[in-house]
Amino acid sequence: MLERVHLVVLREVAEHGSLTAAAEGLGLTQSALSHSMKKLEGQLGVTLWRREGRSLRLTQAGEELLQVAREVLPRLEVAEERLSQFASGRRGTLRIGIECHPCYRWLLRVVAPFLARFPNVEVDVKQKVQFEGAPALSGYEVDLLVTPDPVEHPDLRFHGVFDYEQVLAVGRGHRLAGRACIEASELKEEVLITYPVPQDRLDIFTHFLAPANQRPAAQKTVENTDILMQLVASGRGVAALPRWLVEEYGPLLGLVAVRLGGGIFKQICLGVREADERVDYIASFIELARGAPRPCEESVL
């Protein structure tokens, strides 16, 4: 009979390539692990892996079972952690992933009332520029995703929070600073400062430059939003940022917002797993986010 330990062993062997390493990682003897898996192969009537030199290579049947392990085990681990938290009197942990890098300050304004409402819930924020949000959410690495790019996925649901416009941020003395809007061809002499993510994840390329078959003179990547804005303000380049961010920090840094063509309009969404939509603290976080002032409103208050 297929048991959880078999899935764990299969995952460990796939990651480490040998029974010896898998046994060490699981705290078992190699002989016990080997005996358990041979017994399973006999019950299932299939071979799960073949030996190639000192390594093991999964068969087609093994690959199929490995996919099951990668889908099922993270869910079991999350469920066990939550049950442990309830048993120990803790409420849980809300793990938040951010794909909208400028949204970090806005997120903090939602987290504050959330923590007040749920004092027994911990909050952990994962903010990495190369972060792959949807796979992390469906794979149970995070519980909630802040993103401007919702995806179609049978197990995920995305809730719109606020709309915004993507604009070109330029220094106050820049040649484009006085323009109401610009065309893509006007960036061919500019240094475009972006986050270090693939171009197909950058709206200024996918919605503005690529459709016009245009490119900037050069592209410079920066991870930190504050540094990025400082570089733009000092005339080192231009950047595509949310209008609310430019309007909030423009007076302090000397930034000006210029519309990109007819406008690039986006929406910030909160993504959750469908199975978790009714978890009280997750549902409350979405409620608080929807009720919070939009960033462009906050900059005026």
Protein backbone atom coordinates (compact mmCIF):
# COMPACT_ATOMS: atom_id res chain seq x y z
CA MET A 1 0.00 0.00 0.00
CA LEU A 2 1.26 3.44 -0.90
CA GLU A 3 2.17 5.44 2.21
CA ARG A 4 3.45 8.93 2.86
CA VAL A 5 6.95 7.67 3.65
CA HIS A 6 7.19 6.24 0.14
CA LEU A 7 6.45 9.66 -1.36
CA VAL A 8 9.03 11.27 0.93
CA VAL A 9 11.67 8.71 -0.04
CA LEU A 10 10.94 9.19 -3.72
CA ARG A 11 11.27 12.96 -3.39
CA GLU A 12 14.55 12.65 -1.48
CA VAL A 13 16.02 10.22 -4.02
CA ALA A 14 15.00 12.52 -6.87
CA GLU A 15 16.67 15.49 -5.15
CA HIS A 16 19.85 13.72 -4.03
CA GLY A 17 20.25 11.05 -6.71
CA SER A 18 21.10 8.16 -4.40
CA LEU A 19 19.60 5.97 -1.69
CA THR A 20 22.55 6.72 0.58
CA ALA A 21 21.97 10.46 0.55
CA ALA A 22 18.20 9.98 0.87
CA ALA A 23 18.66 7.67 3.84
CA GLU A 24 20.96 10.16 5.57
CA GLY A 25 18.49 12.97 5.00
CA LEU A 26 15.63 10.93 6.46
CA GLY A 27 17.59 9.44 9.34
CA LEU A 28 17.06 5.87 8.11
CA THR A 29 19.42 3.08 7.18
CA GLN A 30 19.94 2.48 3.50
CA SER A 31 18.90 -1.17 3.83
CA ALA A 32 15.62 -0.28 5.55
CA LEU A 33 14.84 2.32 2.92
CA SER A 34 15.72 -0.02 0.07
CA HIS A 35 13.61 -2.83 1.54
CA SER A 36 10.60 -0.55 1.94
CA MET A 37 10.75 0.68 -1.65
CA LYS A 38 11.31 -2.81 -3.11
CA LYS A 39 8.24 -3.97 -1.21
CA LEU A 40 6.25 -1.09 -2.68
CA GLU A 41 7.45 -1.91 -6.20
CA GLY A 42 6.31 -5.49 -5.67
CA GLN A 43 2.88 -4.38 -4.51
CA LEU A 44 2.45 -1.92 -7.39
CA GLY A 45 3.96 -4.21 -10.01
CA VAL A 46 6.22 -1.49 -11.42
CA THR A 47 9.87 -0.45 -11.21
CA LEU A 48 10.31 3.06 -9.81
CA TRP A 49 13.97 3.61 -10.61
CA ARG A 50 16.99 2.05 -12.27
CA ARG A 51 20.61 2.26 -11.22
CA GLU A 52 22.99 4.13 -13.52
CA GLY A 53 26.47 3.85 -12.08
CA ARG A 54 26.28 5.24 -8.56
CA SER A 55 23.10 7.17 -9.22
CA LEU A 56 19.44 6.24 -9.52
CA ARG A 57 17.28 7.30 -12.46
CA LEU A 58 13.50 7.36 -12.13
CA THR A 59 11.45 5.31 -14.56
CA GLN A 60 8.30 6.67 -16.18
CA ALA A 61 6.30 5.17 -13.31
CA GLY A 62 8.70 6.75 -10.83
CA GLU A 63 8.33 10.17 -12.48
CA GLU A 64 4.55 9.85 -12.25
CA LEU A 65 4.73 9.04 -8.54
CA LEU A 66 7.25 11.84 -8.00
CA GLN A 67 4.75 14.33 -9.43
CA VAL A 68 2.18 13.05 -6.92
CA ALA A 69 4.73 13.49 -4.13
CA ARG A 70 5.48 17.07 -5.14
CA GLU A 71 1.77 17.93 -5.20
CA VAL A 72 0.64 16.08 -2.07
CA LEU A 73 3.53 16.44 0.40
CA PRO A 74 3.56 20.26 0.60
CA ARG A 75 -0.17 20.23 1.37
CA LEU A 76 0.29 17.65 4.11
CA GLU A 77 3.19 19.60 5.59
CA VAL A 78 1.18 22.83 5.67
CA ALA A 79 -1.79 21.04 7.22
CA GLU A 80 0.40 19.47 9.90
CA GLU A 81 2.02 22.81 10.69
CA ARG A 82 -1.36 24.51 11.04
CA LEU A 83 -2.71 21.74 13.26
CA SER A 84 0.43 21.99 15.39
CA GLN A 85 -0.10 25.73 15.72
CA PHE A 86 -3.69 25.24 16.83
CA ALA A 87 -2.64 22.52 19.30
CA SER A 88 0.01 24.76 20.87
CA GLY A 89 -2.34 27.73 21.15
CA ARG A 90 -0.78 29.61 18.24
CA ARG A 91 -3.04 30.71 15.41
CA GLY A 92 -0.81 30.31 12.41
CA THR A 93 1.52 32.13 10.05
CA LEU A 94 0.50 34.15 7.01
CA ARG A 95 3.30 33.93 4.44
CA ILE A 96 3.03 36.73 1.90
CA GLY A 97 4.85 36.85 -1.43
CA ILE A 98 5.27 40.13 -3.34
CA GLU A 99 5.62 40.42 -7.12
CA CYS A 100 4.85 44.14 -7.09
CA HIS A 101 8.09 45.52 -5.68
CA PRO A 102 6.88 49.12 -5.14
CA CYS A 103 3.90 47.75 -3.19
CA TYR A 104 5.96 46.94 -0.10
CA ARG A 105 5.15 50.24 1.64
CA TRP A 106 1.45 49.85 0.87
CA LEU A 107 1.56 46.30 2.24
CA LEU A 108 2.95 47.51 5.55
CA ARG A 109 -0.09 49.75 5.94
CA VAL A 110 -2.35 46.71 5.60
CA VAL A 111 -0.22 44.49 7.84
CA ALA A 112 -0.44 46.91 10.79
CA PRO A 113 -4.24 46.66 11.31
CA PHE A 114 -4.11 42.95 10.45
CA LEU A 115 -1.66 42.26 13.29
CA ALA A 116 -3.87 44.25 15.65
CA ARG A 117 -6.88 42.16 14.67
CA PHE A 118 -5.02 38.83 14.80
CA PRO A 119 -2.38 39.05 17.56
CA ASN A 120 -1.78 35.28 17.41
CA VAL A 121 -0.99 35.20 13.70
CA GLU A 122 2.57 35.73 12.55
CA VAL A 123 3.32 37.46 9.24
CA ASP A 124 6.26 36.54 7.05
CA VAL A 125 6.91 38.54 3.85
CA LYS A 126 8.88 37.07 0.95
CA GLN A 127 10.16 39.86 -1.28
CA LYS A 128 12.59 38.66 -3.92
CA VAL A 129 13.03 40.24 -7.31
CA GLN A 130 13.34 36.86 -9.04
CA PHE A 131 10.34 35.55 -7.11
CA GLU A 132 7.97 33.29 -9.09
CA GLY A 133 4.66 34.02 -7.42
CA ALA A 134 2.04 31.67 -8.86
CA PRO A 135 4.18 28.51 -8.57
CA ALA A 136 5.11 29.50 -5.00
CA LEU A 137 1.44 29.99 -4.12
CA SER A 138 0.21 26.77 -5.71
CA GLY A 139 3.21 24.94 -4.26
CA TYR A 140 2.40 26.08 -0.69
CA GLU A 141 5.54 28.17 -0.30
CA VAL A 142 3.42 31.26 0.40
CA ASP A 143 -0.21 31.70 1.43
CA LEU A 144 -1.01 35.03 -0.20
CA LEU A 145 0.45 36.73 -3.27
CA VAL A 146 0.55 40.46 -4.03
CA THR A 147 0.74 40.72 -7.81
CA PRO A 148 -0.21 42.93 -10.77
CA ASP A 149 -0.27 39.87 -13.04
CA PRO A 150 -2.91 37.31 -12.01
CA VAL A 151 -2.82 34.01 -13.87
CA GLU A 152 -5.37 31.38 -14.82
CA HIS A 153 -4.97 28.44 -12.45
CA PRO A 154 -7.61 25.93 -11.33
CA ASP A 155 -6.54 26.05 -7.68
CA LEU A 156 -5.86 29.80 -7.32
CA ARG A 157 -8.18 32.78 -6.93
CA PHE A 158 -7.19 36.44 -7.42
CA HIS A 159 -9.00 39.34 -5.75
CA GLY A 160 -8.59 42.85 -7.16
CA VAL A 161 -7.52 45.44 -4.57
CA PHE A 162 -6.79 48.70 -6.41
CA ASP A 163 -6.16 50.02 -9.91
CA TYR A 164 -3.13 52.05 -10.90
CA GLU A 165 -1.32 53.45 -13.93
CA GLN A 166 2.21 52.56 -14.95
CA VAL A 167 4.05 55.75 -15.96
CA LEU A 168 7.54 56.82 -16.94
CA ALA A 169 9.40 58.38 -14.03
CA VAL A 170 11.94 61.02 -15.07
CA GLY A 171 13.99 63.63 -13.24
CA ARG A 172 12.55 67.14 -13.02
CA GLY A 173 15.20 68.47 -15.41
CA HIS A 174 14.86 65.66 -17.95
CA ARG A 175 14.01 66.53 -21.56
CA LEU A 176 10.72 64.56 -21.27
CA ALA A 177 9.66 66.06 -17.95
CA GLY A 178 7.29 68.60 -19.49
CA ARG A 179 5.49 66.11 -21.73
CA ALA A 180 1.95 64.90 -21.05
CA CYS A 181 2.71 61.60 -22.79
CA ILE A 182 5.40 60.02 -24.96
CA GLU A 183 5.65 57.43 -27.74
CA ALA A 184 7.81 54.32 -27.57
CA SER A 185 10.30 55.66 -30.14
CA GLU A 186 11.22 58.47 -27.73
CA LEU A 187 12.93 55.99 -25.42
CA LYS A 188 15.44 54.76 -27.99
CA GLU A 189 18.00 57.25 -26.67
CA GLU A 190 17.30 56.59 -22.99
CA VAL A 191 18.81 54.34 -20.32
CA LEU A 192 15.89 52.37 -18.91
CA ILE A 193 16.30 51.37 -15.27
CA THR A 194 14.28 48.28 -14.31
CA TYR A 195 14.12 45.53 -11.73
CA PRO A 196 16.29 42.52 -12.65
CA VAL A 197 13.48 40.34 -14.00
CA PRO A 198 12.93 38.96 -17.52
CA GLN A 199 11.66 41.52 -20.02
CA ASP A 200 8.47 39.52 -20.59
CA ARG A 201 7.54 40.37 -16.98
CA LEU A 202 8.09 44.10 -17.40
CA ASP A 203 5.01 46.03 -18.55
CA ILE A 204 7.01 48.77 -20.26
CA PHE A 205 8.42 46.15 -22.62
CA THR A 206 5.33 43.97 -23.11
CA HIS A 207 2.74 46.79 -23.34
CA PHE A 208 4.74 49.71 -24.71
CA LEU A 209 8.10 49.02 -26.36
CA ALA A 210 7.62 45.57 -27.90
CA PRO A 211 4.31 46.37 -29.68
CA ALA A 212 6.06 49.34 -31.33
CA ASN A 213 9.18 47.28 -32.08
CA GLN A 214 11.30 49.70 -30.07
CA ARG A 215 14.07 49.30 -27.51
CA PRO A 216 15.85 51.72 -25.16
CA ALA A 217 19.46 52.67 -25.79
CA ALA A 218 20.46 50.61 -22.73
CA GLN A 219 18.91 48.81 -19.79
CA LYS A 220 20.23 48.98 -16.24
CA THR A 221 18.83 46.75 -13.47
CA VAL A 222 18.44 47.65 -9.80
CA GLU A 223 16.75 45.57 -7.09
CA ASN A 224 15.94 48.28 -4.57
CA THR A 225 13.08 50.70 -5.30
CA ASP A 226 14.61 53.55 -3.29
CA ILE A 227 17.93 53.30 -5.14
CA LEU A 228 16.11 53.06 -8.45
CA MET A 229 14.25 56.32 -7.78
CA GLN A 230 17.43 58.04 -6.64
CA LEU A 231 19.16 57.07 -9.90
CA VAL A 232 16.26 58.46 -11.93
CA ALA A 233 16.24 61.67 -9.89
CA SER A 234 19.98 62.12 -10.50
CA GLY A 235 19.56 61.82 -14.27
CA ARG A 236 21.11 58.36 -14.63
CA GLY A 237 18.10 57.04 -16.55
CA VAL A 238 14.32 56.70 -16.61
CA ALA A 239 12.06 54.03 -15.12
CA ALA A 240 8.51 52.70 -15.38
CA LEU A 241 6.82 52.95 -11.98
CA PRO A 242 3.27 53.20 -10.61
CA ARG A 243 1.91 56.75 -10.81
CA TRP A 244 1.04 56.71 -7.11
CA LEU A 245 4.66 55.99 -6.20
CA VAL A 246 5.99 58.83 -8.37
CA GLU A 247 3.36 61.26 -7.05
CA GLU A 248 4.11 60.29 -3.44
CA TYR A 249 7.89 60.64 -3.65
CA GLY A 250 8.19 63.06 -6.57
CA PRO A 251 8.13 66.21 -4.44
CA LEU A 252 10.91 64.79 -2.24
CA LEU A 253 13.18 63.49 -5.01
CA GLY A 254 12.33 65.72 -7.94
CA LEU A 255 10.56 63.04 -10.00
CA VAL A 256 7.96 63.69 -12.69
CA ALA A 257 5.40 61.20 -14.08
CA VAL A 258 4.87 61.02 -17.84
CA ARG A 259 2.13 58.90 -19.43
CA LEU A 260 3.26 56.04 -21.64
CA GLY A 261 1.36 56.34 -24.91
CA GLY A 262 -2.36 56.07 -24.26
CA GLY A 263 -1.65 54.78 -20.76
CA ILE A 264 -0.75 51.43 -19.20
CA PHE A 265 -3.40 50.59 -16.62
CA LYS A 266 -3.01 47.72 -14.17
CA GLN A 267 -4.62 46.28 -11.07
CA ILE A 268 -3.01 44.99 -7.90
CA CYS A 269 -4.49 41.64 -6.90
CA LEU A 270 -4.20 39.35 -3.91
CA GLY A 271 -3.90 35.72 -4.90
CA VAL A 272 -4.82 32.84 -2.61
CA ARG A 273 -5.38 29.13 -2.95
CA GLU A 274 -9.07 28.35 -3.42
CA ALA A 275 -8.92 25.91 -0.51
CA ASP A 276 -7.75 28.72 1.82
CA GLU A 277 -10.23 31.44 0.85
CA ARG A 278 -12.35 30.72 3.92
CA VAL A 279 -9.47 30.62 6.42
CA ASP A 280 -10.53 33.47 8.70
CA TYR A 281 -7.28 35.40 8.87
CA ILE A 282 -6.67 35.09 5.12
CA ALA A 283 -10.19 36.29 4.32
CA SER A 284 -9.75 39.16 6.80
CA PHE A 285 -6.47 40.23 5.20
CA ILE A 286 -8.20 40.51 1.82
CA GLU A 287 -11.01 42.50 3.46
CA LEU A 288 -8.54 44.89 5.11
CA ALA A 289 -6.59 45.33 1.87
CA ARG A 290 -9.73 46.18 -0.06
CA GLY A 291 -10.83 48.68 2.57
CA ALA A 292 -7.46 50.38 2.94
CA PRO A 293 -6.91 53.73 1.18
CA ARG A 294 -5.34 53.29 -2.23
CA PRO A 295 -1.70 54.42 -2.36
CA CYS A 296 -2.56 57.47 -4.46
CA GLU A 297 -5.09 58.50 -1.79
CA GLU A 298 -2.61 57.91 1.03
CA SER A 299 -0.09 60.29 -0.55
CA VAL A 300 -2.62 63.09 -0.23
CA LEU A 301 -3.74 62.34 3.31
